[in-house]
Amino acid sequence: MDLHDITHRTLAHYDQTADTFFAGTIDHDVSQNIDALLQAIESAAPFTILDLGCGPGRDLKAFTELGHQAIGIDGSSRFVEMARQYSGCEVWHQDFLELDLPAARFDGVFANASLFHVPAAALPDVLARLYGTLKPGGVLFSSNPRGDNREGWNGPRYGSYHDYAAWERYLTSAGFVPLHHYYRPAGLPRDQQPWLASVWRKPVC
């Protein structure tokens, strides 16, 4: 696999469909996920949050309205422009294979429907960079479509679809400690819950 080609093609799709994506997701309720991250952070509020794969800025705005400092990051140039305008937040244009993140800067990383686009071969490096940008005791939240550990193209987008056991191995290998996980949408039978959400802590020492 050419990892950079995979990333380029997936980001090109988002650039081309940015307006449609924004219209289709702006009203999605992800408050359960936002709460899962914020409630796990043990430092004093307000928190500094990195919204990884922030898209057009919906969740950046939500974090800001809750009183936190949110910074976005996305590989789509269109999403970066839209997120800056919509949220008023600082947004960095970086793709996940070439993350350049400050050390020990963030209380939390919010990776909502973003890390599943990382090919499994690149995931350890990406997780190591996220680990490094968290403060000791900081928290990583992730939500991904769950699957049976296969990856490949889903139309014009590439995805890696892990079950919890495999996802836990990746995260613990990167140094994270599991806090809890759940499936979404809430209140439905498991076969109608396609999303796996999980919360992880960077140890204090």
N, C-alpha and C. Protein backbone atom coordinates (compact mmCIF):
# COMPACT_ATOMS: atom_id res chain seq x y z
N MET A 1 0.83 -1.19 0.00
CA MET A 1 0.00 0.00 0.00
C MET A 1 0.88 1.25 0.00
N ASP A 2 0.48 2.25 -0.77
CA ASP A 2 1.09 3.57 -0.71
C ASP A 2 0.25 4.38 0.26
N LEU A 3 0.74 4.53 1.48
CA LEU A 3 -0.05 5.17 2.53
C LEU A 3 -0.39 6.61 2.19
N HIS A 4 0.55 7.31 1.57
CA HIS A 4 0.29 8.71 1.24
C HIS A 4 -0.75 8.83 0.13
N ASP A 5 -0.75 7.88 -0.81
CA ASP A 5 -1.78 7.89 -1.86
C ASP A 5 -3.16 7.64 -1.26
N ILE A 6 -3.22 6.70 -0.31
CA ILE A 6 -4.49 6.43 0.37
C ILE A 6 -5.01 7.70 1.05
N THR A 7 -4.13 8.37 1.77
CA THR A 7 -4.53 9.59 2.47
C THR A 7 -4.95 10.68 1.49
N HIS A 8 -4.17 10.84 0.43
CA HIS A 8 -4.47 11.88 -0.55
C HIS A 8 -5.84 11.65 -1.19
N ARG A 9 -6.14 10.43 -1.55
CA ARG A 9 -7.41 10.14 -2.22
C ARG A 9 -8.59 10.34 -1.26
N THR A 10 -8.42 9.94 -0.01
CA THR A 10 -9.50 10.13 0.96
C THR A 10 -9.73 11.61 1.22
N LEU A 11 -8.67 12.38 1.39
CA LEU A 11 -8.82 13.81 1.63
C LEU A 11 -9.40 14.52 0.42
N ALA A 12 -9.04 14.07 -0.78
CA ALA A 12 -9.60 14.68 -1.98
C ALA A 12 -11.12 14.52 -2.02
N HIS A 13 -11.59 13.37 -1.56
CA HIS A 13 -13.04 13.16 -1.50
C HIS A 13 -13.69 14.17 -0.55
N TYR A 14 -13.08 14.37 0.61
CA TYR A 14 -13.66 15.33 1.56
C TYR A 14 -13.59 16.76 1.04
N ASP A 15 -12.51 17.11 0.36
CA ASP A 15 -12.44 18.45 -0.24
C ASP A 15 -13.57 18.66 -1.24
N GLN A 16 -13.85 17.63 -2.03
CA GLN A 16 -14.86 17.75 -3.08
C GLN A 16 -16.29 17.75 -2.55
N THR A 17 -16.50 17.17 -1.38
CA THR A 17 -17.86 17.02 -0.84
C THR A 17 -18.04 17.79 0.46
N ALA A 18 -17.19 18.76 0.73
CA ALA A 18 -17.18 19.44 2.03
C ALA A 18 -18.52 20.10 2.36
N ASP A 19 -19.11 20.77 1.41
CA ASP A 19 -20.38 21.46 1.69
C ASP A 19 -21.49 20.47 2.00
N THR A 20 -21.55 19.39 1.24
CA THR A 20 -22.56 18.36 1.48
C THR A 20 -22.34 17.69 2.82
N PHE A 21 -21.07 17.42 3.15
CA PHE A 21 -20.74 16.80 4.43
C PHE A 21 -21.18 17.70 5.59
N PHE A 22 -20.89 18.97 5.49
CA PHE A 22 -21.26 19.91 6.54
C PHE A 22 -22.78 19.93 6.75
N ALA A 23 -23.51 20.02 5.65
CA ALA A 23 -24.98 20.06 5.76
C ALA A 23 -25.53 18.77 6.35
N GLY A 24 -24.88 17.64 6.06
CA GLY A 24 -25.38 16.36 6.52
C GLY A 24 -25.00 15.99 7.94
N THR A 25 -24.03 16.70 8.51
CA THR A 25 -23.53 16.32 9.85
C THR A 25 -23.69 17.41 10.89
N ILE A 26 -24.05 18.61 10.51
CA ILE A 26 -24.07 19.72 11.44
C ILE A 26 -25.01 19.48 12.62
N ASP A 27 -26.08 18.72 12.38
CA ASP A 27 -27.06 18.49 13.44
C ASP A 27 -26.86 17.17 14.18
N HIS A 28 -25.78 16.43 13.88
CA HIS A 28 -25.54 15.17 14.58
C HIS A 28 -25.27 15.44 16.06
N ASP A 29 -25.91 14.67 16.92
CA ASP A 29 -25.73 14.83 18.36
C ASP A 29 -24.61 13.91 18.84
N VAL A 30 -23.47 14.49 19.15
CA VAL A 30 -22.35 13.71 19.68
C VAL A 30 -22.04 14.14 21.11
N SER A 31 -23.05 14.67 21.79
CA SER A 31 -22.83 15.15 23.16
C SER A 31 -22.39 14.02 24.08
N GLN A 32 -22.84 12.78 23.83
CA GLN A 32 -22.38 11.65 24.64
C GLN A 32 -20.87 11.50 24.54
N ASN A 33 -20.34 11.68 23.35
CA ASN A 33 -18.90 11.54 23.14
C ASN A 33 -18.13 12.71 23.75
N ILE A 34 -18.64 13.91 23.58
CA ILE A 34 -17.99 15.07 24.17
C ILE A 34 -17.96 14.93 25.69
N ASP A 35 -19.08 14.51 26.27
CA ASP A 35 -19.14 14.32 27.72
C ASP A 35 -18.17 13.24 28.19
N ALA A 36 -18.03 12.17 27.38
CA ALA A 36 -17.13 11.07 27.77
C ALA A 36 -15.70 11.57 27.88
N LEU A 37 -15.29 12.43 26.97
CA LEU A 37 -13.94 13.00 27.05
C LEU A 37 -13.82 13.94 28.25
N LEU A 38 -14.71 14.89 28.35
CA LEU A 38 -14.57 15.92 29.38
C LEU A 38 -14.65 15.35 30.78
N GLN A 39 -15.52 14.36 30.98
CA GLN A 39 -15.67 13.79 32.32
C GLN A 39 -14.48 12.96 32.74
N ALA A 40 -13.67 12.52 31.78
CA ALA A 40 -12.49 11.71 32.12
C ALA A 40 -11.26 12.55 32.43
N ILE A 41 -11.28 13.82 32.05
CA ILE A 41 -10.13 14.68 32.30
C ILE A 41 -10.12 15.09 33.76
N GLU A 42 -9.01 14.91 34.42
CA GLU A 42 -8.93 15.15 35.87
C GLU A 42 -8.28 16.47 36.24
N SER A 43 -7.74 17.20 35.28
CA SER A 43 -7.14 18.50 35.59
C SER A 43 -8.25 19.54 35.76
N ALA A 44 -7.86 20.74 36.16
CA ALA A 44 -8.83 21.80 36.40
C ALA A 44 -9.27 22.43 35.08
N ALA A 45 -10.58 22.62 34.94
CA ALA A 45 -11.12 23.29 33.76
C ALA A 45 -10.80 24.80 33.83
N PRO A 46 -10.75 25.49 32.69
CA PRO A 46 -11.06 24.99 31.35
C PRO A 46 -9.92 24.16 30.78
N PHE A 47 -10.28 23.26 29.86
CA PHE A 47 -9.32 22.34 29.26
C PHE A 47 -8.85 22.84 27.90
N THR A 48 -7.67 22.39 27.51
CA THR A 48 -7.18 22.61 26.15
C THR A 48 -7.39 21.32 25.38
N ILE A 49 -8.21 21.38 24.32
CA ILE A 49 -8.64 20.20 23.59
C ILE A 49 -8.15 20.26 22.15
N LEU A 50 -7.60 19.16 21.66
CA LEU A 50 -7.27 19.02 20.24
C LEU A 50 -8.37 18.19 19.58
N ASP A 51 -9.06 18.79 18.63
CA ASP A 51 -10.11 18.09 17.87
C ASP A 51 -9.44 17.53 16.61
N LEU A 52 -9.15 16.24 16.65
CA LEU A 52 -8.40 15.58 15.58
C LEU A 52 -9.36 15.16 14.47
N GLY A 53 -9.16 15.72 13.29
CA GLY A 53 -10.11 15.48 12.21
C GLY A 53 -11.38 16.28 12.47
N CYS A 54 -11.20 17.57 12.66
CA CYS A 54 -12.29 18.42 13.14
C CYS A 54 -13.36 18.67 12.10
N GLY A 55 -13.08 18.33 10.82
CA GLY A 55 -14.08 18.59 9.80
C GLY A 55 -14.44 20.06 9.73
N PRO A 56 -15.70 20.38 9.46
CA PRO A 56 -16.10 21.79 9.30
C PRO A 56 -16.22 22.58 10.60
N GLY A 57 -15.98 21.95 11.76
CA GLY A 57 -15.88 22.72 12.99
C GLY A 57 -17.02 22.61 13.96
N ARG A 58 -17.94 21.67 13.73
CA ARG A 58 -19.09 21.53 14.62
C ARG A 58 -18.67 21.33 16.08
N ASP A 59 -17.76 20.40 16.31
CA ASP A 59 -17.39 20.06 17.70
C ASP A 59 -16.44 21.09 18.29
N LEU A 60 -15.64 21.74 17.47
CA LEU A 60 -14.83 22.86 17.96
C LEU A 60 -15.72 23.92 18.58
N LYS A 61 -16.80 24.24 17.89
CA LYS A 61 -17.72 25.24 18.40
C LYS A 61 -18.36 24.79 19.70
N ALA A 62 -18.71 23.50 19.78
CA ALA A 62 -19.33 22.96 20.99
C ALA A 62 -18.38 23.06 22.18
N PHE A 63 -17.12 22.68 21.99
CA PHE A 63 -16.15 22.78 23.09
C PHE A 63 -15.96 24.23 23.53
N THR A 64 -15.91 25.15 22.57
CA THR A 64 -15.72 26.56 22.89
C THR A 64 -16.91 27.09 23.67
N GLU A 65 -18.09 26.72 23.27
CA GLU A 65 -19.30 27.18 23.97
C GLU A 65 -19.38 26.63 25.40
N LEU A 66 -18.69 25.52 25.64
CA LEU A 66 -18.62 24.97 27.00
C LEU A 66 -17.52 25.61 27.84
N GLY A 67 -16.77 26.53 27.23
CA GLY A 67 -15.77 27.28 27.97
C GLY A 67 -14.35 26.78 27.84
N HIS A 68 -14.11 25.82 26.95
CA HIS A 68 -12.78 25.25 26.80
C HIS A 68 -12.05 25.88 25.62
N GLN A 69 -10.73 25.74 25.59
CA GLN A 69 -9.94 26.18 24.45
C GLN A 69 -9.77 25.00 23.51
N ALA A 70 -10.32 25.12 22.33
CA ALA A 70 -10.27 24.03 21.36
C ALA A 70 -9.45 24.44 20.15
N ILE A 71 -8.59 23.55 19.73
CA ILE A 71 -7.80 23.72 18.51
C ILE A 71 -8.13 22.55 17.60
N GLY A 72 -8.38 22.85 16.33
CA GLY A 72 -8.71 21.80 15.38
C GLY A 72 -7.53 21.43 14.51
N ILE A 73 -7.63 20.25 13.92
CA ILE A 73 -6.63 19.80 12.96
C ILE A 73 -7.34 18.93 11.93
N ASP A 74 -7.02 19.17 10.66
CA ASP A 74 -7.64 18.38 9.60
C ASP A 74 -6.74 18.41 8.37
N GLY A 75 -6.81 17.32 7.60
CA GLY A 75 -6.02 17.23 6.38
C GLY A 75 -6.70 17.82 5.17
N SER A 76 -7.99 18.08 5.26
CA SER A 76 -8.75 18.67 4.16
C SER A 76 -8.64 20.19 4.21
N SER A 77 -8.12 20.79 3.17
CA SER A 77 -7.98 22.24 3.16
C SER A 77 -9.35 22.93 3.21
N ARG A 78 -10.35 22.35 2.59
CA ARG A 78 -11.69 22.92 2.63
C ARG A 78 -12.25 22.87 4.05
N PHE A 79 -12.06 21.75 4.73
CA PHE A 79 -12.55 21.65 6.10
C PHE A 79 -11.84 22.66 7.01
N VAL A 80 -10.56 22.85 6.81
CA VAL A 80 -9.81 23.80 7.63
C VAL A 80 -10.40 25.20 7.47
N GLU A 81 -10.65 25.60 6.24
CA GLU A 81 -11.24 26.92 5.99
C GLU A 81 -12.61 27.03 6.64
N MET A 82 -13.43 26.01 6.46
CA MET A 82 -14.79 26.04 6.99
C MET A 82 -14.78 26.05 8.52
N ALA A 83 -13.91 25.26 9.12
CA ALA A 83 -13.85 25.18 10.58
C ALA A 83 -13.40 26.49 11.20
N ARG A 84 -12.43 27.14 10.59
CA ARG A 84 -11.99 28.44 11.10
C ARG A 84 -13.13 29.45 11.08
N GLN A 85 -13.87 29.46 9.98
CA GLN A 85 -14.96 30.42 9.83
C GLN A 85 -16.12 30.09 10.77
N TYR A 86 -16.47 28.81 10.85
CA TYR A 86 -17.66 28.42 11.62
C TYR A 86 -17.43 28.50 13.12
N SER A 87 -16.25 28.09 13.57
CA SER A 87 -16.00 28.00 15.02
C SER A 87 -15.26 29.19 15.60
N GLY A 88 -14.50 29.88 14.75
CA GLY A 88 -13.65 30.95 15.25
C GLY A 88 -12.41 30.46 15.96
N CYS A 89 -12.14 29.17 15.87
CA CYS A 89 -11.00 28.56 16.56
C CYS A 89 -9.77 28.50 15.67
N GLU A 90 -8.63 28.32 16.29
CA GLU A 90 -7.40 28.03 15.57
C GLU A 90 -7.50 26.61 15.00
N VAL A 91 -7.17 26.46 13.72
CA VAL A 91 -7.25 25.15 13.06
C VAL A 91 -5.98 24.94 12.25
N TRP A 92 -5.35 23.80 12.46
CA TRP A 92 -4.11 23.46 11.76
C TRP A 92 -4.39 22.55 10.58
N HIS A 93 -3.70 22.81 9.47
CA HIS A 93 -3.84 21.98 8.27
C HIS A 93 -2.71 20.95 8.24
N GLN A 94 -3.01 19.73 8.70
CA GLN A 94 -2.04 18.64 8.71
C GLN A 94 -2.77 17.33 8.42
N ASP A 95 -2.15 16.48 7.61
CA ASP A 95 -2.75 15.15 7.47
C ASP A 95 -2.17 14.22 8.53
N PHE A 96 -2.87 13.13 8.79
CA PHE A 96 -2.56 12.30 9.94
C PHE A 96 -1.22 11.57 9.81
N LEU A 97 -0.73 11.41 8.58
CA LEU A 97 0.54 10.72 8.39
C LEU A 97 1.73 11.62 8.64
N GLU A 98 1.48 12.92 8.76
CA GLU A 98 2.59 13.87 8.95
C GLU A 98 2.26 14.85 10.07
N LEU A 99 1.74 14.31 11.16
CA LEU A 99 1.40 15.17 12.29
C LEU A 99 2.65 15.79 12.90
N ASP A 100 2.57 17.07 13.17
CA ASP A 100 3.65 17.80 13.83
C ASP A 100 3.01 18.52 15.01
N LEU A 101 3.02 17.87 16.16
CA LEU A 101 2.24 18.33 17.31
C LEU A 101 3.16 18.75 18.45
N PRO A 102 2.78 19.78 19.20
CA PRO A 102 3.60 20.22 20.34
C PRO A 102 3.56 19.18 21.46
N ALA A 103 4.64 19.07 22.18
CA ALA A 103 4.73 18.09 23.25
C ALA A 103 3.94 18.54 24.47
N ALA A 104 3.18 17.60 25.05
CA ALA A 104 2.49 17.79 26.33
C ALA A 104 1.67 19.09 26.36
N ARG A 105 0.93 19.34 25.29
CA ARG A 105 0.16 20.60 25.17
C ARG A 105 -1.30 20.45 25.62
N PHE A 106 -1.90 19.27 25.39
CA PHE A 106 -3.35 19.16 25.49
C PHE A 106 -3.80 18.32 26.68
N ASP A 107 -4.92 18.75 27.26
CA ASP A 107 -5.58 17.95 28.30
C ASP A 107 -6.36 16.79 27.69
N GLY A 108 -6.85 16.98 26.47
CA GLY A 108 -7.63 15.94 25.82
C GLY A 108 -7.49 16.00 24.31
N VAL A 109 -7.59 14.83 23.69
CA VAL A 109 -7.67 14.72 22.23
C VAL A 109 -9.00 14.08 21.90
N PHE A 110 -9.76 14.74 21.04
CA PHE A 110 -11.08 14.28 20.63
C PHE A 110 -10.98 13.79 19.19
N ALA A 111 -11.01 12.47 19.02
CA ALA A 111 -10.89 11.86 17.69
C ALA A 111 -12.22 11.20 17.35
N ASN A 112 -13.17 12.01 16.94
CA ASN A 112 -14.52 11.53 16.66
C ASN A 112 -14.64 11.22 15.17
N ALA A 113 -14.78 9.95 14.84
CA ALA A 113 -14.95 9.51 13.45
C ALA A 113 -13.79 9.98 12.57
N SER A 114 -12.57 9.81 13.06
CA SER A 114 -11.41 10.26 12.28
C SER A 114 -10.31 9.21 12.20
N LEU A 115 -9.96 8.57 13.31
CA LEU A 115 -8.82 7.65 13.31
C LEU A 115 -9.06 6.40 12.46
N PHE A 116 -10.30 6.08 12.14
CA PHE A 116 -10.53 4.90 11.31
C PHE A 116 -10.03 5.11 9.88
N HIS A 117 -9.75 6.35 9.51
CA HIS A 117 -9.18 6.59 8.17
C HIS A 117 -7.68 6.30 8.12
N VAL A 118 -7.06 6.06 9.26
CA VAL A 118 -5.62 5.78 9.29
C VAL A 118 -5.40 4.30 8.97
N PRO A 119 -4.64 3.98 7.91
CA PRO A 119 -4.32 2.58 7.65
C PRO A 119 -3.62 1.95 8.84
N ALA A 120 -3.88 0.68 9.07
CA ALA A 120 -3.33 0.01 10.25
C ALA A 120 -1.81 0.11 10.30
N ALA A 121 -1.15 0.09 9.16
CA ALA A 121 0.31 0.16 9.14
C ALA A 121 0.83 1.48 9.68
N ALA A 122 0.03 2.53 9.60
CA ALA A 122 0.45 3.85 10.07
C ALA A 122 -0.06 4.16 11.46
N LEU A 123 -0.96 3.35 11.98
CA LEU A 123 -1.62 3.67 13.24
C LEU A 123 -0.66 3.78 14.43
N PRO A 124 0.31 2.88 14.61
CA PRO A 124 1.21 3.04 15.77
C PRO A 124 1.92 4.38 15.81
N ASP A 125 2.36 4.88 14.67
CA ASP A 125 3.05 6.18 14.65
C ASP A 125 2.08 7.31 14.99
N VAL A 126 0.88 7.26 14.44
CA VAL A 126 -0.11 8.30 14.72
C VAL A 126 -0.45 8.31 16.21
N LEU A 127 -0.67 7.14 16.79
CA LEU A 127 -1.00 7.08 18.22
C LEU A 127 0.16 7.57 19.08
N ALA A 128 1.39 7.28 18.66
CA ALA A 128 2.55 7.77 19.41
C ALA A 128 2.60 9.29 19.42
N ARG A 129 2.24 9.91 18.31
CA ARG A 129 2.24 11.38 18.24
C ARG A 129 1.13 11.97 19.11
N LEU A 130 -0.02 11.30 19.13
CA LEU A 130 -1.11 11.77 20.00
C LEU A 130 -0.74 11.61 21.47
N TYR A 131 -0.11 10.50 21.78
CA TYR A 131 0.38 10.27 23.15
C TYR A 131 1.33 11.40 23.56
N GLY A 132 2.22 11.75 22.66
CA GLY A 132 3.21 12.77 22.98
C GLY A 132 2.64 14.16 23.17
N THR A 133 1.54 14.47 22.48
CA THR A 133 0.97 15.81 22.58
C THR A 133 0.05 15.98 23.77
N LEU A 134 -0.31 14.87 24.43
CA LEU A 134 -1.12 14.94 25.64
C LEU A 134 -0.26 15.24 26.86
N LYS A 135 -0.79 16.03 27.77
CA LYS A 135 -0.14 16.20 29.05
C LYS A 135 -0.19 14.88 29.83
N PRO A 136 0.72 14.64 30.77
CA PRO A 136 0.59 13.47 31.63
C PRO A 136 -0.78 13.47 32.32
N GLY A 137 -1.47 12.35 32.26
CA GLY A 137 -2.81 12.26 32.78
C GLY A 137 -3.88 12.67 31.79
N GLY A 138 -3.47 13.14 30.61
CA GLY A 138 -4.43 13.56 29.59
C GLY A 138 -5.21 12.40 29.01
N VAL A 139 -6.27 12.72 28.28
CA VAL A 139 -7.24 11.73 27.83
C VAL A 139 -7.41 11.79 26.32
N LEU A 140 -7.45 10.60 25.71
CA LEU A 140 -7.79 10.45 24.29
C LEU A 140 -9.16 9.81 24.19
N PHE A 141 -10.05 10.44 23.44
CA PHE A 141 -11.33 9.83 23.09
C PHE A 141 -11.30 9.46 21.62
N SER A 142 -11.79 8.27 21.29
CA SER A 142 -11.94 7.89 19.88
C SER A 142 -13.29 7.26 19.66
N SER A 143 -13.84 7.49 18.48
CA SER A 143 -15.06 6.83 18.04
C SER A 143 -14.86 6.43 16.59
N ASN A 144 -15.00 5.14 16.32
CA ASN A 144 -14.76 4.60 14.99
C ASN A 144 -15.86 3.61 14.62
N PRO A 145 -16.13 3.44 13.33
CA PRO A 145 -17.01 2.34 12.94
C PRO A 145 -16.36 1.01 13.32
N ARG A 146 -17.09 0.17 14.03
CA ARG A 146 -16.49 -1.10 14.45
C ARG A 146 -16.59 -2.11 13.31
N GLY A 147 -15.72 -3.13 13.39
CA GLY A 147 -15.70 -4.14 12.35
C GLY A 147 -14.96 -5.37 12.80
N ASP A 148 -14.46 -6.12 11.82
CA ASP A 148 -13.78 -7.38 12.12
C ASP A 148 -12.31 -7.32 11.71
N ASN A 149 -11.73 -6.12 11.86
CA ASN A 149 -10.29 -5.92 11.66
C ASN A 149 -9.86 -6.01 10.20
N ARG A 150 -10.77 -5.70 9.32
CA ARG A 150 -10.41 -5.57 7.91
C ARG A 150 -10.32 -4.09 7.55
N GLU A 151 -9.59 -3.79 6.52
CA GLU A 151 -9.48 -2.42 6.04
C GLU A 151 -9.49 -2.41 4.53
N GLY A 152 -9.85 -1.25 3.98
CA GLY A 152 -9.89 -1.11 2.53
C GLY A 152 -10.77 0.05 2.12
N TRP A 153 -11.06 0.12 0.84
CA TRP A 153 -11.81 1.22 0.30
C TRP A 153 -13.31 1.01 0.49
N ASN A 154 -13.96 2.04 0.98
CA ASN A 154 -15.42 2.09 1.06
C ASN A 154 -15.84 3.24 0.16
N GLY A 155 -16.06 2.93 -1.12
CA GLY A 155 -16.25 3.99 -2.09
C GLY A 155 -14.96 4.77 -2.24
N PRO A 156 -15.01 6.11 -2.17
CA PRO A 156 -13.81 6.92 -2.35
C PRO A 156 -13.01 7.14 -1.07
N ARG A 157 -13.42 6.52 0.03
CA ARG A 157 -12.73 6.73 1.30
C ARG A 157 -12.14 5.41 1.79
N TYR A 158 -10.95 5.51 2.40
CA TYR A 158 -10.29 4.34 2.97
C TYR A 158 -10.63 4.26 4.45
N GLY A 159 -10.87 3.03 4.92
CA GLY A 159 -11.18 2.87 6.33
C GLY A 159 -10.59 1.60 6.91
N SER A 160 -10.27 1.64 8.21
CA SER A 160 -9.83 0.47 8.97
C SER A 160 -10.86 0.23 10.06
N TYR A 161 -11.40 -0.99 10.09
CA TYR A 161 -12.57 -1.26 10.93
C TYR A 161 -12.21 -2.32 11.97
N HIS A 162 -11.85 -1.83 13.17
CA HIS A 162 -11.34 -2.69 14.23
C HIS A 162 -12.45 -3.10 15.19
N ASP A 163 -12.30 -4.28 15.80
CA ASP A 163 -13.13 -4.61 16.96
C ASP A 163 -12.42 -4.09 18.20
N TYR A 164 -13.10 -4.19 19.37
CA TYR A 164 -12.51 -3.58 20.56
C TYR A 164 -11.19 -4.24 20.95
N ALA A 165 -11.11 -5.56 20.86
CA ALA A 165 -9.89 -6.25 21.29
C ALA A 165 -8.68 -5.77 20.49
N ALA A 166 -8.84 -5.65 19.19
CA ALA A 166 -7.73 -5.18 18.36
C ALA A 166 -7.41 -3.72 18.65
N TRP A 167 -8.44 -2.90 18.81
CA TRP A 167 -8.23 -1.48 19.10
C TRP A 167 -7.50 -1.30 20.43
N GLU A 168 -7.86 -2.10 21.41
CA GLU A 168 -7.20 -2.04 22.71
C GLU A 168 -5.72 -2.39 22.57
N ARG A 169 -5.39 -3.37 21.75
CA ARG A 169 -3.98 -3.73 21.58
C ARG A 169 -3.19 -2.57 20.99
N TYR A 170 -3.75 -1.89 20.01
CA TYR A 170 -3.06 -0.73 19.43
C TYR A 170 -2.84 0.36 20.48
N LEU A 171 -3.88 0.66 21.24
CA LEU A 171 -3.80 1.77 22.18
C LEU A 171 -2.88 1.46 23.36
N THR A 172 -2.97 0.26 23.90
CA THR A 172 -2.10 -0.08 25.02
C THR A 172 -0.64 -0.21 24.58
N SER A 173 -0.43 -0.66 23.35
CA SER A 173 0.95 -0.70 22.82
C SER A 173 1.54 0.69 22.71
N ALA A 174 0.68 1.69 22.50
CA ALA A 174 1.14 3.07 22.42
C ALA A 174 1.34 3.70 23.80
N GLY A 175 0.96 2.98 24.86
CA GLY A 175 1.17 3.46 26.22
C GLY A 175 -0.08 3.91 26.94
N PHE A 176 -1.23 3.90 26.26
CA PHE A 176 -2.47 4.37 26.87
C PHE A 176 -3.06 3.32 27.81
N VAL A 177 -3.77 3.82 28.81
CA VAL A 177 -4.48 2.97 29.76
C VAL A 177 -5.97 3.06 29.46
N PRO A 178 -6.66 1.91 29.29
CA PRO A 178 -8.08 1.97 28.97
C PRO A 178 -8.90 2.43 30.17
N LEU A 179 -9.86 3.31 29.92
CA LEU A 179 -10.80 3.75 30.95
C LEU A 179 -12.15 3.07 30.78
N HIS A 180 -12.78 3.24 29.63
CA HIS A 180 -14.02 2.53 29.35
C HIS A 180 -14.35 2.65 27.86
N HIS A 181 -15.30 1.85 27.41
CA HIS A 181 -15.75 1.94 26.03
C HIS A 181 -17.24 1.66 25.98
N TYR A 182 -17.87 2.06 24.89
CA TYR A 182 -19.29 1.85 24.71
C TYR A 182 -19.60 1.86 23.21
N TYR A 183 -20.83 1.50 22.89
CA TYR A 183 -21.26 1.42 21.49
C TYR A 183 -22.40 2.42 21.25
N ARG A 184 -22.45 2.93 20.05
CA ARG A 184 -23.45 3.93 19.67
C ARG A 184 -24.19 3.51 18.41
N PRO A 185 -25.43 4.03 18.25
CA PRO A 185 -26.21 4.89 19.15
C PRO A 185 -26.67 4.16 20.40
N ALA A 186 -26.81 4.90 21.49
CA ALA A 186 -27.20 4.31 22.77
C ALA A 186 -28.62 3.76 22.70
N GLY A 187 -28.86 2.69 23.46
CA GLY A 187 -30.20 2.16 23.62
C GLY A 187 -30.69 1.23 22.54
N LEU A 188 -29.81 0.87 21.61
CA LEU A 188 -30.19 -0.02 20.52
C LEU A 188 -29.53 -1.38 20.70
N PRO A 189 -30.06 -2.44 20.06
CA PRO A 189 -29.37 -3.73 20.07
C PRO A 189 -27.98 -3.58 19.46
N ARG A 190 -27.05 -4.43 19.88
CA ARG A 190 -25.67 -4.31 19.45
C ARG A 190 -25.53 -4.35 17.93
N ASP A 191 -26.33 -5.14 17.25
CA ASP A 191 -26.19 -5.20 15.79
C ASP A 191 -26.67 -3.92 15.11
N GLN A 192 -27.26 -3.01 15.88
CA GLN A 192 -27.67 -1.72 15.35
C GLN A 192 -26.82 -0.58 15.92
N GLN A 193 -25.69 -0.95 16.49
CA GLN A 193 -24.76 0.03 17.05
C GLN A 193 -23.43 -0.07 16.29
N PRO A 194 -23.29 0.65 15.18
CA PRO A 194 -22.09 0.50 14.36
C PRO A 194 -20.86 1.22 14.87
N TRP A 195 -21.01 2.07 15.90
CA TRP A 195 -19.88 2.88 16.35
C TRP A 195 -19.32 2.37 17.67
N LEU A 196 -18.00 2.24 17.72
CA LEU A 196 -17.27 1.87 18.92
C LEU A 196 -16.57 3.10 19.47
N ALA A 197 -16.97 3.52 20.66
CA ALA A 197 -16.35 4.68 21.32
C ALA A 197 -15.50 4.20 22.48
N SER A 198 -14.35 4.83 22.69
CA SER A 198 -13.46 4.40 23.77
C SER A 198 -12.70 5.58 24.33
N VAL A 199 -12.33 5.47 25.62
CA VAL A 199 -11.68 6.55 26.36
C VAL A 199 -10.40 6.00 26.98
N TRP A 200 -9.29 6.74 26.84
CA TRP A 200 -7.97 6.27 27.21
C TRP A 200 -7.19 7.36 27.93
N ARG A 201 -6.35 6.96 28.87
CA ARG A 201 -5.55 7.95 29.60
C ARG A 201 -4.06 7.74 29.36
N LYS A 202 -3.35 8.84 29.23
CA LYS A 202 -1.90 8.81 29.26
C LYS A 202 -1.47 8.81 30.72
N PRO A 203 -0.72 7.81 31.17
CA PRO A 203 -0.33 7.76 32.59
C PRO A 203 0.42 9.02 33.02
N VAL A 204 0.28 9.33 34.28
CA VAL A 204 0.97 10.50 34.83
C VAL A 204 2.48 10.28 34.86
N CYS A 205 2.90 9.04 35.10
CA CYS A 205 4.34 8.76 35.13
C CYS A 205 4.57 7.34 34.62
